[in-house]
N, C-alpha and C. Protein backbone atom coordinates (compact mmCIF):
# COMPACT_ATOMS: atom_id res chain seq x y z
N MET A 1 -105.82 148.87 89.03
CA MET A 1 -104.80 148.06 88.28
C MET A 1 -104.33 149.18 87.11
N ASN A 2 -103.11 149.01 86.82
CA ASN A 2 -102.58 149.60 85.70
C ASN A 2 -102.64 149.10 84.58
N ASN A 3 -103.31 149.47 83.48
CA ASN A 3 -103.43 148.84 82.08
C ASN A 3 -102.25 149.27 81.26
N HIS A 4 -101.38 148.94 81.37
CA HIS A 4 -100.15 149.57 80.70
C HIS A 4 -99.87 148.17 79.58
N ALA A 5 -99.73 148.60 78.55
CA ALA A 5 -99.37 147.49 77.46
C ALA A 5 -97.82 147.11 77.66
N ILE A 6 -97.64 145.93 77.38
CA ILE A 6 -96.31 145.37 77.42
C ILE A 6 -95.65 145.24 76.04
N MET A 7 -94.58 145.99 75.58
CA MET A 7 -94.18 145.52 74.33
C MET A 7 -93.31 144.48 74.18
N ASN A 8 -93.73 143.93 72.77
CA ASN A 8 -93.20 142.54 72.49
C ASN A 8 -93.48 141.36 73.41
N SER A 9 -94.80 141.36 73.85
CA SER A 9 -95.18 140.19 74.68
C SER A 9 -96.52 140.07 74.07
N GLU A 10 -96.81 138.63 74.22
CA GLU A 10 -97.89 137.89 73.81
C GLU A 10 -98.60 136.85 74.63
N VAL A 11 -99.60 136.79 75.10
CA VAL A 11 -100.16 135.50 75.61
C VAL A 11 -100.39 134.28 74.57
N ILE A 12 -100.23 133.02 74.87
CA ILE A 12 -100.40 132.13 73.96
C ILE A 12 -101.22 131.17 74.81
N SER A 13 -102.14 130.28 74.05
CA SER A 13 -103.00 129.06 74.78
C SER A 13 -102.05 127.82 74.92
N LYS A 14 -102.51 127.16 75.67
CA LYS A 14 -101.82 125.94 76.18
C LYS A 14 -101.43 125.13 74.77
N GLU A 15 -102.37 125.12 73.78
CA GLU A 15 -102.09 124.63 72.65
C GLU A 15 -100.96 125.08 71.65
N GLN A 16 -101.27 126.36 71.64
CA GLN A 16 -100.10 126.99 71.07
C GLN A 16 -98.75 127.07 71.67
N MET A 17 -98.56 126.91 73.11
CA MET A 17 -97.48 126.53 73.47
C MET A 17 -97.06 125.23 73.40
N HIS A 18 -97.76 124.22 73.46
CA HIS A 18 -97.33 122.87 73.12
C HIS A 18 -96.84 122.77 71.50
N ASP A 19 -97.58 123.33 70.62
CA ASP A 19 -97.15 123.30 69.19
C ASP A 19 -95.72 124.01 69.16
N GLU A 20 -95.54 125.00 69.75
CA GLU A 20 -94.29 125.72 69.83
C GLU A 20 -93.26 125.00 70.27
N TYR A 21 -93.54 124.29 71.48
CA TYR A 21 -92.46 123.38 72.21
C TYR A 21 -92.00 122.18 71.07
N VAL A 22 -92.90 121.56 70.40
CA VAL A 22 -92.78 120.65 69.66
C VAL A 22 -91.92 120.93 68.34
N MET A 23 -92.43 122.19 67.77
CA MET A 23 -91.56 122.40 66.60
C MET A 23 -90.28 122.80 66.98
N LEU A 24 -90.07 123.56 68.09
CA LEU A 24 -88.68 124.17 68.22
C LEU A 24 -87.76 122.84 68.85
N ALA A 25 -88.44 121.78 69.50
CA ALA A 25 -87.54 120.74 70.00
C ALA A 25 -87.20 119.89 68.83
N LEU A 26 -88.11 119.63 67.92
CA LEU A 26 -87.92 118.52 66.81
C LEU A 26 -87.03 119.22 65.70
N ARG A 27 -86.89 120.68 65.83
CA ARG A 27 -86.21 121.23 64.85
C ARG A 27 -84.85 121.39 65.38
N SER A 28 -84.59 121.08 66.60
CA SER A 28 -83.31 121.34 67.26
C SER A 28 -82.61 119.89 67.75
N SER A 29 -82.58 119.59 69.21
CA SER A 29 -82.07 118.36 69.58
C SER A 29 -83.14 117.46 69.93
N GLY A 30 -84.30 117.55 69.69
CA GLY A 30 -85.29 116.59 69.81
C GLY A 30 -86.21 116.81 71.07
N ILE A 31 -87.12 115.91 70.95
CA ILE A 31 -88.00 115.74 72.36
C ILE A 31 -87.75 115.26 73.44
N GLU A 32 -87.38 115.49 74.63
CA GLU A 32 -86.88 114.98 75.76
C GLU A 32 -88.07 114.46 76.40
N LEU A 33 -88.35 113.20 76.50
CA LEU A 33 -90.01 112.69 76.69
C LEU A 33 -90.22 113.15 78.28
N ASN A 34 -89.21 112.89 79.21
CA ASN A 34 -89.49 113.10 80.80
C ASN A 34 -89.89 114.76 80.87
N ASP A 35 -89.14 115.54 79.99
CA ASP A 35 -89.37 116.91 80.31
C ASP A 35 -90.75 117.36 79.65
N TYR A 36 -91.18 116.76 78.58
CA TYR A 36 -92.27 116.85 77.57
C TYR A 36 -93.52 116.30 78.48
N LYS A 37 -93.38 115.55 79.15
CA LYS A 37 -94.65 114.70 79.89
C LYS A 37 -94.86 115.73 81.13
N LYS A 38 -93.87 116.17 82.02
CA LYS A 38 -94.05 117.30 82.92
C LYS A 38 -94.77 118.37 82.57
N LYS A 39 -94.51 119.03 81.39
CA LYS A 39 -95.00 120.04 80.69
C LYS A 39 -96.48 119.66 80.23
N PHE A 40 -96.61 118.65 79.47
CA PHE A 40 -97.83 118.51 78.91
C PHE A 40 -98.73 117.12 78.92
N SER A 41 -98.19 116.08 79.82
CA SER A 41 -98.70 114.93 79.65
C SER A 41 -98.31 113.96 78.50
N ASP A 42 -98.60 112.97 78.48
CA ASP A 42 -98.25 112.01 77.31
C ASP A 42 -99.52 111.58 76.28
N ASP A 43 -100.52 112.41 76.53
CA ASP A 43 -101.67 112.13 75.44
C ASP A 43 -101.19 112.26 73.85
N TRP A 44 -100.69 113.50 73.69
CA TRP A 44 -99.97 113.43 72.12
C TRP A 44 -99.11 112.64 71.80
N ILE A 45 -98.31 112.10 72.67
CA ILE A 45 -97.33 110.98 72.31
C ILE A 45 -97.98 109.77 71.88
N LYS A 46 -99.06 109.60 72.81
CA LYS A 46 -99.70 108.20 72.57
C LYS A 46 -100.58 108.09 71.18
N LYS A 47 -101.05 109.40 71.02
CA LYS A 47 -102.05 109.95 69.92
C LYS A 47 -101.33 109.61 68.54
N ASN A 48 -100.06 110.17 68.56
CA ASN A 48 -99.23 109.97 67.43
C ASN A 48 -98.35 108.79 67.27
N ASN A 49 -98.51 107.81 68.33
CA ASN A 49 -97.54 106.59 68.41
C ASN A 49 -97.31 106.07 67.03
N SER A 50 -98.49 105.56 66.37
CA SER A 50 -98.45 104.72 65.14
C SER A 50 -97.78 105.85 63.94
N TYR A 51 -98.08 107.11 63.89
CA TYR A 51 -97.29 107.93 62.93
C TYR A 51 -95.63 107.93 63.12
N PHE A 52 -95.33 107.99 64.48
CA PHE A 52 -93.97 107.81 65.00
C PHE A 52 -93.29 106.58 64.70
N GLU A 53 -94.04 105.54 64.62
CA GLU A 53 -93.63 104.08 64.31
C GLU A 53 -93.42 104.04 62.47
N LEU A 54 -94.50 104.77 61.90
CA LEU A 54 -94.14 104.75 60.29
C LEU A 54 -92.89 105.70 60.14
N LEU A 55 -92.78 106.77 60.75
CA LEU A 55 -91.48 107.71 60.55
C LEU A 55 -90.16 107.03 61.00
N LYS A 56 -90.20 106.14 62.09
CA LYS A 56 -89.12 105.26 62.24
C LYS A 56 -88.88 104.22 61.09
N ASN A 57 -89.95 103.68 60.63
CA ASN A 57 -89.57 102.79 59.46
C ASN A 57 -89.06 103.49 58.36
N GLU A 58 -89.41 104.64 57.84
CA GLU A 58 -88.92 105.49 56.85
C GLU A 58 -87.70 106.12 57.35
N GLN A 59 -87.10 105.87 58.29
CA GLN A 59 -85.89 106.46 58.79
C GLN A 59 -85.64 107.83 58.77
N HIS A 60 -86.91 108.42 59.16
CA HIS A 60 -87.38 109.91 59.49
C HIS A 60 -86.98 110.35 60.93
N LEU A 61 -87.11 109.11 61.65
CA LEU A 61 -87.21 109.63 63.13
C LEU A 61 -86.32 108.37 63.81
N ILE A 62 -85.77 108.69 64.83
CA ILE A 62 -85.27 107.98 66.01
C ILE A 62 -85.85 108.13 67.26
N THR A 63 -86.33 106.83 68.04
CA THR A 63 -86.97 107.15 69.36
C THR A 63 -86.03 106.18 69.97
N ASP A 64 -86.19 106.49 71.31
CA ASP A 64 -85.68 105.47 72.44
C ASP A 64 -86.53 105.79 73.73
N SER A 65 -86.29 105.18 74.90
CA SER A 65 -87.16 105.35 75.99
C SER A 65 -87.21 106.80 76.35
N ASN A 66 -86.63 107.70 76.06
CA ASN A 66 -86.62 109.06 76.29
C ASN A 66 -86.44 110.02 75.40
N TRP A 67 -86.38 110.09 74.06
CA TRP A 67 -86.04 110.83 73.13
C TRP A 67 -86.91 110.56 71.91
N ILE A 68 -87.31 111.73 71.22
CA ILE A 68 -87.92 111.46 69.92
C ILE A 68 -87.10 112.56 68.97
N LYS A 69 -86.44 112.19 68.17
CA LYS A 69 -85.38 113.02 67.33
C LYS A 69 -85.54 112.63 65.77
N LEU A 70 -85.56 113.84 65.06
CA LEU A 70 -85.46 113.73 63.76
C LEU A 70 -84.27 113.25 63.22
N THR A 71 -84.12 112.34 62.13
CA THR A 71 -82.97 111.89 61.67
C THR A 71 -82.50 113.07 60.49
N SER A 72 -81.30 113.14 59.78
CA SER A 72 -80.96 113.88 58.74
C SER A 72 -82.05 114.07 57.65
N LYS A 73 -82.35 112.85 57.25
CA LYS A 73 -83.64 112.60 56.48
C LYS A 73 -84.77 113.00 56.82
N GLY A 74 -85.01 113.08 58.27
CA GLY A 74 -86.21 113.61 58.55
C GLY A 74 -86.39 115.15 58.58
N TYR A 75 -85.12 115.78 58.82
CA TYR A 75 -84.85 117.12 58.86
C TYR A 75 -85.17 117.70 57.59
N ALA A 76 -85.07 117.03 56.36
CA ALA A 76 -85.30 117.32 55.04
C ALA A 76 -86.97 117.58 54.74
N VAL A 77 -87.73 116.81 55.60
CA VAL A 77 -89.05 117.09 55.41
C VAL A 77 -89.94 117.14 56.67
N CYS A 78 -89.16 118.03 57.60
CA CYS A 78 -89.77 118.50 58.86
C CYS A 78 -91.00 119.22 58.79
N ASP A 79 -90.91 120.15 57.77
CA ASP A 79 -92.35 120.84 57.82
C ASP A 79 -93.57 120.08 57.45
N GLU A 80 -93.21 118.95 56.60
CA GLU A 80 -94.39 117.97 56.33
C GLU A 80 -94.91 117.15 57.46
N ILE A 81 -93.76 116.68 58.30
CA ILE A 81 -93.76 115.76 59.40
C ILE A 81 -94.73 116.65 60.45
N LEU A 82 -94.44 118.06 60.73
CA LEU A 82 -94.91 118.69 61.66
C LEU A 82 -96.36 119.14 61.36
N LYS A 83 -96.60 119.13 60.04
CA LYS A 83 -97.99 119.42 59.42
C LYS A 83 -98.90 118.10 59.84
N ASN A 84 -98.29 117.05 59.72
CA ASN A 84 -99.04 115.67 60.07
C ASN A 84 -99.38 115.54 61.59
N ILE A 85 -98.38 116.12 62.53
CA ILE A 85 -98.79 115.79 63.98
C ILE A 85 -99.01 116.93 64.92
N LEU A 86 -99.31 118.17 64.13
CA LEU A 86 -99.84 119.34 65.15
C LEU A 86 -101.02 119.92 64.55
């Protein structure tokens, strides 16, 4: 076996992969739930459902049957939201 290092490469855990996915998705077009569930299951979604409802009531989040998206108001506090769900 050749033990050559690969420049600019990093191995990340499943949890780190999940957190990166969520952060990038919420900061861009949102989390597309079918894609998310194929990659990670829906345990995290279920675990955070009551927080998502709170965010919807505060107009920080929009959800429908297949998307979780931040509103413009939600983008303003995105780091705080991510801190609470990751």
